Amino acid sequence: MDNQIKTDFLQKIENALDTIRPHLELDGGNVAVVDLTDDMIVQIKWMGNCSACSMSSMTMRTGIEETLKNKVPEVKGVIALNGVGV
């Protein structure tokens, strides 16, 4: 993937995550984008309380992945590189 295209997608992903972050921050957590793969899989890292939260897999599917796919339809999936169950 071209660097400029990747940069543009990463900005769209960050903008989408900014709509979710206030909810994560209420519980002392957050999420950081680590990378976007060539096959449009977003790699994230749980931050703060989210890294040890038993609900992080549910938050991943119903919050983060759903939001990203709705706001950036090119995203094919999301995986966490850390956290419970990884």
PDB file of N, CA and C in Angstrom:
ATOM      1  N   MET A   1       0.853  -1.173   0.000  1.00  0.00           N
ATOM      2  CA  MET A   1       0.000   0.000   0.000  1.00  0.00           C
ATOM      3  C   MET A   1       0.900   1.238   0.000  1.00  0.00           C
ATOM      4  N   ASP A   2       0.552   2.172  -0.822  1.00  0.00           N
ATOM      5  CA  ASP A   2       1.274   3.445  -0.926  1.00  0.00           C
ATOM      6  C   ASP A   2       1.257   4.162   0.425  1.00  0.00           C
ATOM      7  N   ASN A   3       2.373   4.774   0.798  1.00  0.00           N
ATOM      8  CA  ASN A   3       2.497   5.444   2.100  1.00  0.00           C
ATOM      9  C   ASN A   3       1.463   6.541   2.306  1.00  0.00           C
ATOM     10  N   GLN A   4       1.187   7.326   1.261  1.00  0.00           N
ATOM     11  CA  GLN A   4       0.208   8.408   1.405  1.00  0.00           C
ATOM     12  C   GLN A   4      -1.200   7.852   1.608  1.00  0.00           C
ATOM     13  N   ILE A   5      -1.519   6.795   0.887  1.00  0.00           N
ATOM     14  CA  ILE A   5      -2.835   6.160   1.045  1.00  0.00           C
ATOM     15  C   ILE A   5      -2.965   5.603   2.456  1.00  0.00           C
ATOM     16  N   LYS A   6      -1.916   4.942   2.928  1.00  0.00           N
ATOM     17  CA  LYS A   6      -1.932   4.395   4.285  1.00  0.00           C
ATOM     18  C   LYS A   6      -2.097   5.511   5.316  1.00  0.00           C
ATOM     19  N   THR A   7      -1.367   6.596   5.136  1.00  0.00           N
ATOM     20  CA  THR A   7      -1.475   7.737   6.039  1.00  0.00           C
ATOM     21  C   THR A   7      -2.899   8.283   6.056  1.00  0.00           C
ATOM     22  N   ASP A   8      -3.515   8.383   4.891  1.00  0.00           N
ATOM     23  CA  ASP A   8      -4.895   8.876   4.804  1.00  0.00           C
ATOM     24  C   ASP A   8      -5.854   7.945   5.542  1.00  0.00           C
ATOM     25  N   PHE A   9      -5.702   6.633   5.350  1.00  0.00           N
ATOM     26  CA  PHE A   9      -6.553   5.672   6.043  1.00  0.00           C
ATOM     27  C   PHE A   9      -6.333   5.726   7.551  1.00  0.00           C
ATOM     28  N   LEU A  10      -5.084   5.833   7.971  1.00  0.00           N
ATOM     29  CA  LEU A  10      -4.799   5.904   9.402  1.00  0.00           C
ATOM     30  C   LEU A  10      -5.446   7.138  10.026  1.00  0.00           C
ATOM     31  N   GLN A  11      -5.473   8.253   9.312  1.00  0.00           N
ATOM     32  CA  GLN A  11      -6.133   9.455   9.827  1.00  0.00           C
ATOM     33  C   GLN A  11      -7.635   9.231   9.959  1.00  0.00           C
ATOM     34  N   LYS A  12      -8.241   8.584   8.967  1.00  0.00           N
ATOM     35  CA  LYS A  12      -9.674   8.272   9.041  1.00  0.00           C
ATOM     36  C   LYS A  12      -9.962   7.341  10.215  1.00  0.00           C
ATOM     37  N   ILE A  13      -9.083   6.377  10.432  1.00  0.00           N
ATOM     38  CA  ILE A  13      -9.236   5.431  11.543  1.00  0.00           C
ATOM     39  C   ILE A  13      -9.129   6.161  12.873  1.00  0.00           C
ATOM     40  N   GLU A  14      -8.147   7.044  13.006  1.00  0.00           N
ATOM     41  CA  GLU A  14      -8.000   7.826  14.240  1.00  0.00           C
ATOM     42  C   GLU A  14      -9.236   8.688  14.492  1.00  0.00           C
ATOM     43  N   ASN A  15      -9.753   9.304  13.449  1.00  0.00           N
ATOM     44  CA  ASN A  15     -10.955  10.132  13.591  1.00  0.00           C
ATOM     45  C   ASN A  15     -12.137   9.299  14.077  1.00  0.00           C
ATOM     46  N   ALA A  16     -12.277   8.086  13.528  1.00  0.00           N
ATOM     47  CA  ALA A  16     -13.355   7.195  13.948  1.00  0.00           C
ATOM     48  C   ALA A  16     -13.164   6.776  15.404  1.00  0.00           C
ATOM     49  N   LEU A  17     -11.940   6.449  15.775  1.00  0.00           N
ATOM     50  CA  LEU A  17     -11.667   6.041  17.156  1.00  0.00           C
ATOM     51  C   LEU A  17     -11.901   7.180  18.139  1.00  0.00           C
ATOM     52  N   ASP A  18     -11.714   8.403  17.690  1.00  0.00           N
ATOM     53  CA  ASP A  18     -11.957   9.554  18.557  1.00  0.00           C
ATOM     54  C   ASP A  18     -13.414   9.630  19.012  1.00  0.00           C
ATOM     55  N   THR A  19     -14.330   9.011  18.266  1.00  0.00           N
ATOM     56  CA  THR A  19     -15.734   8.987  18.677  1.00  0.00           C
ATOM     57  C   THR A  19     -15.973   7.955  19.784  1.00  0.00           C
ATOM     58  N   ILE A  20     -15.069   6.992  19.918  1.00  0.00           N
ATOM     59  CA  ILE A  20     -15.188   5.922  20.916  1.00  0.00           C
ATOM     60  C   ILE A  20     -14.377   6.227  22.168  1.00  0.00           C
ATOM     61  N   ARG A  21     -13.274   6.904  21.995  1.00  0.00           N
ATOM     62  CA  ARG A  21     -12.332   7.126  23.104  1.00  0.00           C
ATOM     63  C   ARG A  21     -12.953   7.721  24.369  1.00  0.00           C
ATOM     64  N   PRO A  22     -13.881   8.679  24.271  1.00  0.00           N
ATOM     65  CA  PRO A  22     -14.465   9.213  25.515  1.00  0.00           C
ATOM     66  C   PRO A  22     -15.115   8.125  26.380  1.00  0.00           C
ATOM     67  N   HIS A  23     -15.715   7.130  25.755  1.00  0.00           N
ATOM     68  CA  HIS A  23     -16.343   6.037  26.497  1.00  0.00           C
ATOM     69  C   HIS A  23     -15.292   5.165  27.173  1.00  0.00           C
ATOM     70  N   LEU A  24     -14.196   4.918  26.472  1.00  0.00           N
ATOM     71  CA  LEU A  24     -13.110   4.127  27.055  1.00  0.00           C
ATOM     72  C   LEU A  24     -12.451   4.880  28.208  1.00  0.00           C
ATOM     73  N   GLU A  25     -12.279   6.175  28.022  1.00  0.00           N
ATOM     74  CA  GLU A  25     -11.617   6.999  29.034  1.00  0.00           C
ATOM     75  C   GLU A  25     -12.423   7.087  30.322  1.00  0.00           C
ATOM     76  N   LEU A  26     -13.748   6.966  30.230  1.00  0.00           N
ATOM     77  CA  LEU A  26     -14.583   6.970  31.436  1.00  0.00           C
ATOM     78  C   LEU A  26     -14.206   5.837  32.388  1.00  0.00           C
ATOM     79  N   ASP A  27     -13.732   4.733  31.820  1.00  0.00           N
ATOM     80  CA  ASP A  27     -13.326   3.575  32.616  1.00  0.00           C
ATOM     81  C   ASP A  27     -11.818   3.498  32.797  1.00  0.00           C
ATOM     82  N   GLY A  28     -11.106   4.575  32.466  1.00  0.00           N
ATOM     83  CA  GLY A  28      -9.661   4.616  32.659  1.00  0.00           C
ATOM     84  C   GLY A  28      -8.875   3.905  31.582  1.00  0.00           C
ATOM     85  N   GLY A  29      -9.454   3.765  30.400  1.00  0.00           N
ATOM     86  CA  GLY A  29      -8.771   3.067  29.315  1.00  0.00           C
ATOM     87  C   GLY A  29      -8.660   3.903  28.063  1.00  0.00           C
ATOM     88  N   ASN A  30      -8.102   3.279  27.044  1.00  0.00           N
ATOM     89  CA  ASN A  30      -7.970   3.911  25.738  1.00  0.00           C
ATOM     90  C   ASN A  30      -7.507   2.844  24.757  1.00  0.00           C
ATOM     91  N   VAL A  31      -7.315   3.245  23.537  1.00  0.00           N
ATOM     92  CA  VAL A  31      -6.853   2.344  22.490  1.00  0.00           C
ATOM     93  C   VAL A  31      -5.898   3.128  21.588  1.00  0.00           C
ATOM     94  N   ALA A  32      -4.851   2.449  21.126  1.00  0.00           N
ATOM     95  CA  ALA A  32      -3.890   3.075  20.217  1.00  0.00           C
ATOM     96  C   ALA A  32      -3.766   2.210  18.966  1.00  0.00           C
ATOM     97  N   VAL A  33      -3.677   2.863  17.822  1.00  0.00           N
ATOM     98  CA  VAL A  33      -3.454   2.142  16.570  1.00  0.00           C
ATOM     99  C   VAL A  33      -1.962   1.840  16.460  1.00  0.00           C
ATOM    100  N   VAL A  34      -1.637   0.570  16.232  1.00  0.00           N
ATOM    101  CA  VAL A  34      -0.255   0.152  16.065  1.00  0.00           C
ATOM    102  C   VAL A  34       0.107   0.142  14.590  1.00  0.00           C
ATOM    103  N   ASP A  35      -0.793  -0.414  13.763  1.00  0.00           N
ATOM    104  CA  ASP A  35      -0.502  -0.509  12.331  1.00  0.00           C
ATOM    105  C   ASP A  35      -1.783  -0.793  11.572  1.00  0.00           C
ATOM    106  N   LEU A  36      -1.706  -0.594  10.267  1.00  0.00           N
ATOM    107  CA  LEU A  36      -2.744  -0.985   9.323  1.00  0.00           C
ATOM    108  C   LEU A  36      -2.061  -1.874   8.307  1.00  0.00           C
ATOM    109  N   THR A  37      -2.509  -3.129   8.220  1.00  0.00           N
ATOM    110  CA  THR A  37      -1.867  -4.069   7.305  1.00  0.00           C
ATOM    111  C   THR A  37      -2.311  -3.806   5.869  1.00  0.00           C
ATOM    112  N   ASP A  38      -1.576  -4.381   4.926  1.00  0.00           N
ATOM    113  CA  ASP A  38      -1.918  -4.213   3.516  1.00  0.00           C
ATOM    114  C   ASP A  38      -3.292  -4.790   3.183  1.00  0.00           C
ATOM    115  N   ASP A  39      -3.747  -5.775   3.971  1.00  0.00           N
ATOM    116  CA  ASP A  39      -5.076  -6.336   3.721  1.00  0.00           C
ATOM    117  C   ASP A  39      -6.156  -5.666   4.584  1.00  0.00           C
ATOM    118  N   MET A  40      -5.846  -4.444   5.076  1.00  0.00           N
ATOM    119  CA  MET A  40      -6.800  -3.563   5.761  1.00  0.00           C
ATOM    120  C   MET A  40      -7.289  -4.111   7.106  1.00  0.00           C
ATOM    121  N   ILE A  41      -6.378  -4.730   7.837  1.00  0.00           N
ATOM    122  CA  ILE A  41      -6.645  -5.144   9.208  1.00  0.00           C
ATOM    123  C   ILE A  41      -5.976  -4.122  10.122  1.00  0.00           C
ATOM    124  N   VAL A  42      -6.757  -3.535  11.022  1.00  0.00           N
ATOM    125  CA  VAL A  42      -6.242  -2.545  11.962  1.00  0.00           C
ATOM    126  C   VAL A  42      -5.712  -3.286  13.186  1.00  0.00           C
ATOM    127  N   GLN A  43      -4.470  -3.038  13.520  1.00  0.00           N
ATOM    128  CA  GLN A  43      -3.862  -3.605  14.714  1.00  0.00           C
ATOM    129  C   GLN A  43      -3.875  -2.537  15.797  1.00  0.00           C
ATOM    130  N   ILE A  44      -4.456  -2.897  16.942  1.00  0.00           N
ATOM    131  CA  ILE A  44      -4.558  -1.942  18.041  1.00  0.00           C
ATOM    132  C   ILE A  44      -3.839  -2.461  19.279  1.00  0.00           C
ATOM    133  N   LYS A  45      -3.626  -1.546  20.197  1.00  0.00           N
ATOM    134  CA  LYS A  45      -3.096  -1.879  21.513  1.00  0.00           C
ATOM    135  C   LYS A  45      -4.036  -1.257  22.535  1.00  0.00           C
ATOM    136  N   TRP A  46      -4.528  -2.093  23.460  1.00  0.00           N
ATOM    137  CA  TRP A  46      -5.342  -1.580  24.547  1.00  0.00           C
ATOM    138  C   TRP A  46      -4.457  -0.809  25.513  1.00  0.00           C
ATOM    139  N   MET A  47      -4.970   0.276  26.034  1.00  0.00           N
ATOM    140  CA  MET A  47      -4.228   1.127  26.961  1.00  0.00           C
ATOM    141  C   MET A  47      -4.991   1.198  28.289  1.00  0.00           C
ATOM    142  N   GLY A  48      -4.252   1.464  29.358  1.00  0.00           N
ATOM    143  CA  GLY A  48      -4.868   1.655  30.669  1.00  0.00           C
ATOM    144  C   GLY A  48      -5.681   0.450  31.117  1.00  0.00           C
ATOM    145  N   ASN A  49      -6.834   0.717  31.717  1.00  0.00           N
ATOM    146  CA  ASN A  49      -7.683  -0.349  32.240  1.00  0.00           C
ATOM    147  C   ASN A  49      -8.199  -1.296  31.168  1.00  0.00           C
ATOM    148  N   CYS A  50      -8.249  -0.860  29.926  1.00  0.00           N
ATOM    149  CA  CYS A  50      -8.741  -1.722  28.852  1.00  0.00           C
ATOM    150  C   CYS A  50      -7.842  -2.939  28.628  1.00  0.00           C
ATOM    151  N   SER A  51      -6.556  -2.814  28.953  1.00  0.00           N
ATOM    152  CA  SER A  51      -5.638  -3.918  28.705  1.00  0.00           C
ATOM    153  C   SER A  51      -5.890  -5.104  29.630  1.00  0.00           C
ATOM    154  N   ALA A  52      -6.584  -4.875  30.737  1.00  0.00           N
ATOM    155  CA  ALA A  52      -6.871  -5.965  31.673  1.00  0.00           C
ATOM    156  C   ALA A  52      -8.370  -6.206  31.842  1.00  0.00           C
ATOM    157  N   CYS A  53      -9.175  -5.586  31.023  1.00  0.00           N
ATOM    158  CA  CYS A  53     -10.632  -5.670  31.171  1.00  0.00           C
ATOM    159  C   CYS A  53     -11.174  -6.930  30.500  1.00  0.00           C
ATOM    160  N   SER A  54     -12.018  -7.648  31.230  1.00  0.00           N
ATOM    161  CA  SER A  54     -12.619  -8.866  30.669  1.00  0.00           C
ATOM    162  C   SER A  54     -13.644  -8.543  29.582  1.00  0.00           C
ATOM    163  N   MET A  55     -14.071  -7.306  29.491  1.00  0.00           N
ATOM    164  CA  MET A  55     -15.056  -6.899  28.470  1.00  0.00           C
ATOM    165  C   MET A  55     -14.393  -6.381  27.194  1.00  0.00           C
ATOM    166  N   SER A  56     -13.066  -6.397  27.130  1.00  0.00           N
ATOM    167  CA  SER A  56     -12.386  -5.811  25.974  1.00  0.00           C
ATOM    168  C   SER A  56     -12.724  -6.527  24.663  1.00  0.00           C
ATOM    169  N   SER A  57     -12.957  -7.838  24.696  1.00  0.00           N
ATOM    170  CA  SER A  57     -13.305  -8.526  23.446  1.00  0.00           C
ATOM    171  C   SER A  57     -14.678  -8.079  22.953  1.00  0.00           C
ATOM    172  N   MET A  58     -15.599  -7.844  23.876  1.00  0.00           N
ATOM    173  CA  MET A  58     -16.920  -7.336  23.481  1.00  0.00           C
ATOM    174  C   MET A  58     -16.813  -5.904  22.969  1.00  0.00           C
ATOM    175  N   THR A  59     -16.024  -5.095  23.659  1.00  0.00           N
ATOM    176  CA  THR A  59     -15.800  -3.719  23.217  1.00  0.00           C
ATOM    177  C   THR A  59     -15.164  -3.705  21.833  1.00  0.00           C
ATOM    178  N   MET A  60     -14.270  -4.660  21.601  1.00  0.00           N
ATOM    179  CA  MET A  60     -13.610  -4.755  20.299  1.00  0.00           C
ATOM    180  C   MET A  60     -14.628  -4.955  19.183  1.00  0.00           C
ATOM    181  N   ARG A  61     -15.495  -5.928  19.344  1.00  0.00           N
ATOM    182  CA  ARG A  61     -16.439  -6.275  18.277  1.00  0.00           C
ATOM    183  C   ARG A  61     -17.577  -5.266  18.128  1.00  0.00           C
ATOM    184  N   THR A  62     -18.219  -4.940  19.251  1.00  0.00           N
ATOM    185  CA  THR A  62     -19.424  -4.105  19.162  1.00  0.00           C
ATOM    186  C   THR A  62     -19.135  -2.618  19.172  1.00  0.00           C
ATOM    187  N   GLY A  63     -17.945  -2.237  19.610  1.00  0.00           N
ATOM    188  CA  GLY A  63     -17.604  -0.820  19.645  1.00  0.00           C
ATOM    189  C   GLY A  63     -16.603  -0.451  18.581  1.00  0.00           C
ATOM    190  N   ILE A  64     -15.412  -0.961  18.709  1.00  0.00           N
ATOM    191  CA  ILE A  64     -14.316  -0.533  17.838  1.00  0.00           C
ATOM    192  C   ILE A  64     -14.477  -1.051  16.414  1.00  0.00           C
ATOM    193  N   GLU A  65     -14.614  -2.358  16.249  1.00  0.00           N
ATOM    194  CA  GLU A  65     -14.680  -2.909  14.899  1.00  0.00           C
ATOM    195  C   GLU A  65     -15.909  -2.413  14.142  1.00  0.00           C
ATOM    196  N   GLU A  66     -17.048  -2.397  14.804  1.00  0.00           N
ATOM    197  CA  GLU A  66     -18.276  -1.928  14.158  1.00  0.00           C
ATOM    198  C   GLU A  66     -18.161  -0.462  13.736  1.00  0.00           C
ATOM    199  N   THR A  67     -17.642   0.374  14.625  1.00  0.00           N
ATOM    200  CA  THR A  67     -17.475   1.794  14.313  1.00  0.00           C
ATOM    201  C   THR A  67     -16.516   1.996  13.148  1.00  0.00           C
ATOM    202  N   LEU A  68     -15.371   1.296  13.194  1.00  0.00           N
ATOM    203  CA  LEU A  68     -14.396   1.454  12.113  1.00  0.00           C
ATOM    204  C   LEU A  68     -14.962   1.002  10.777  1.00  0.00           C
ATOM    205  N   LYS A  69     -15.647  -0.126  10.759  1.00  0.00           N
ATOM    206  CA  LYS A  69     -16.207  -0.623   9.495  1.00  0.00           C
ATOM    207  C   LYS A  69     -17.292   0.311   8.962  1.00  0.00           C
ATOM    208  N   ASN A  70     -18.038   0.952   9.861  1.00  0.00           N
ATOM    209  CA  ASN A  70     -19.070   1.896   9.423  1.00  0.00           C
ATOM    210  C   ASN A  70     -18.471   3.195   8.893  1.00  0.00           C
ATOM    211  N   LYS A  71     -17.433   3.687   9.566  1.00  0.00           N
ATOM    212  CA  LYS A  71     -16.851   4.981   9.188  1.00  0.00           C
ATOM    213  C   LYS A  71     -15.740   4.862   8.150  1.00  0.00           C
ATOM    214  N   VAL A  72     -15.094   3.701   8.087  1.00  0.00           N
ATOM    215  CA  VAL A  72     -14.029   3.444   7.109  1.00  0.00           C
ATOM    216  C   VAL A  72     -14.316   2.061   6.511  1.00  0.00           C
ATOM    217  N   PRO A  73     -15.233   1.985   5.548  1.00  0.00           N
ATOM    218  CA  PRO A  73     -15.697   0.694   5.031  1.00  0.00           C
ATOM    219  C   PRO A  73     -14.596  -0.212   4.460  1.00  0.00           C
ATOM    220  N   GLU A  74     -13.472   0.358   4.127  1.00  0.00           N
ATOM    221  CA  GLU A  74     -12.373  -0.447   3.586  1.00  0.00           C
ATOM    222  C   GLU A  74     -11.732  -1.357   4.643  1.00  0.00           C
ATOM    223  N   VAL A  75     -11.938  -1.031   5.918  1.00  0.00           N
ATOM    224  CA  VAL A  75     -11.380  -1.843   7.006  1.00  0.00           C
ATOM    225  C   VAL A  75     -12.059  -3.211   6.999  1.00  0.00           C
ATOM    226  N   LYS A  76     -11.233  -4.255   7.010  1.00  0.00           N
ATOM    227  CA  LYS A  76     -11.745  -5.627   6.974  1.00  0.00           C
ATOM    228  C   LYS A  76     -11.857  -6.254   8.357  1.00  0.00           C
ATOM    229  N   GLY A  77     -11.097  -5.741   9.315  1.00  0.00           N
ATOM    230  CA  GLY A  77     -11.141  -6.291  10.659  1.00  0.00           C
ATOM    231  C   GLY A  77     -10.208  -5.543  11.582  1.00  0.00           C
ATOM    232  N   VAL A  78     -10.277  -5.925  12.864  1.00  0.00           N
ATOM    233  CA  VAL A  78      -9.452  -5.306  13.892  1.00  0.00           C
ATOM    234  C   VAL A  78      -8.918  -6.427  14.795  1.00  0.00           C
ATOM    235  N   ILE A  79      -7.637  -6.346  15.130  1.00  0.00           N
ATOM    236  CA  ILE A  79      -7.083  -7.291  16.091  1.00  0.00           C
ATOM    237  C   ILE A  79      -6.324  -6.513  17.165  1.00  0.00           C
ATOM    238  N   ALA A  80      -6.393  -7.038  18.390  1.00  0.00           N
ATOM    239  CA  ALA A  80      -5.659  -6.446  19.508  1.00  0.00           C
ATOM    240  C   ALA A  80      -4.368  -7.220  19.688  1.00  0.00           C
ATOM    241  N   LEU A  81      -3.281  -6.507  19.871  1.00  0.00           N
ATOM    242  CA  LEU A  81      -1.984  -7.131  20.064  1.00  0.00           C
ATOM    243  C   LEU A  81      -1.679  -7.382  21.534  1.00  0.00           C
ATOM    244  N   ASN A  82      -2.546  -6.905  22.412  1.00  0.00           N
ATOM    245  CA  ASN A  82      -2.381  -7.120  23.852  1.00  0.00           C
ATOM    246  C   ASN A  82      -3.752  -7.189  24.485  1.00  0.00           C
ATOM    247  N   GLY A  83      -3.782  -7.485  25.777  1.00  0.00           N
ATOM    248  CA  GLY A  83      -5.029  -7.496  26.509  1.00  0.00           C
ATOM    249  C   GLY A  83      -5.457  -8.890  26.921  1.00  0.00           C
ATOM    250  N   VAL A  84      -6.608  -8.967  27.538  1.00  0.00           N
ATOM    251  CA  VAL A  84      -7.156 -10.224  28.012  1.00  0.00           C
ATOM    252  C   VAL A  84      -7.460 -11.146  26.839  1.00  0.00           C
ATOM    253  N   GLY A  85      -7.035 -12.379  26.934  1.00  0.00           N
ATOM    254  CA  GLY A  85      -7.344 -13.366  25.900  1.00  0.00           C
ATOM    255  C   GLY A  85      -6.465 -13.312  24.681  1.00  0.00           C
ATOM    256  N   VAL A  86      -5.446 -12.484  24.691  1.00  0.00           N
ATOM    257  CA  VAL A  86      -4.554 -12.406  23.515  1.00  0.00           C
ATOM    258  C   VAL A  86      -3.392 -13.343  23.710  1.00  0.00           C
TER     259      VAL A  86
END
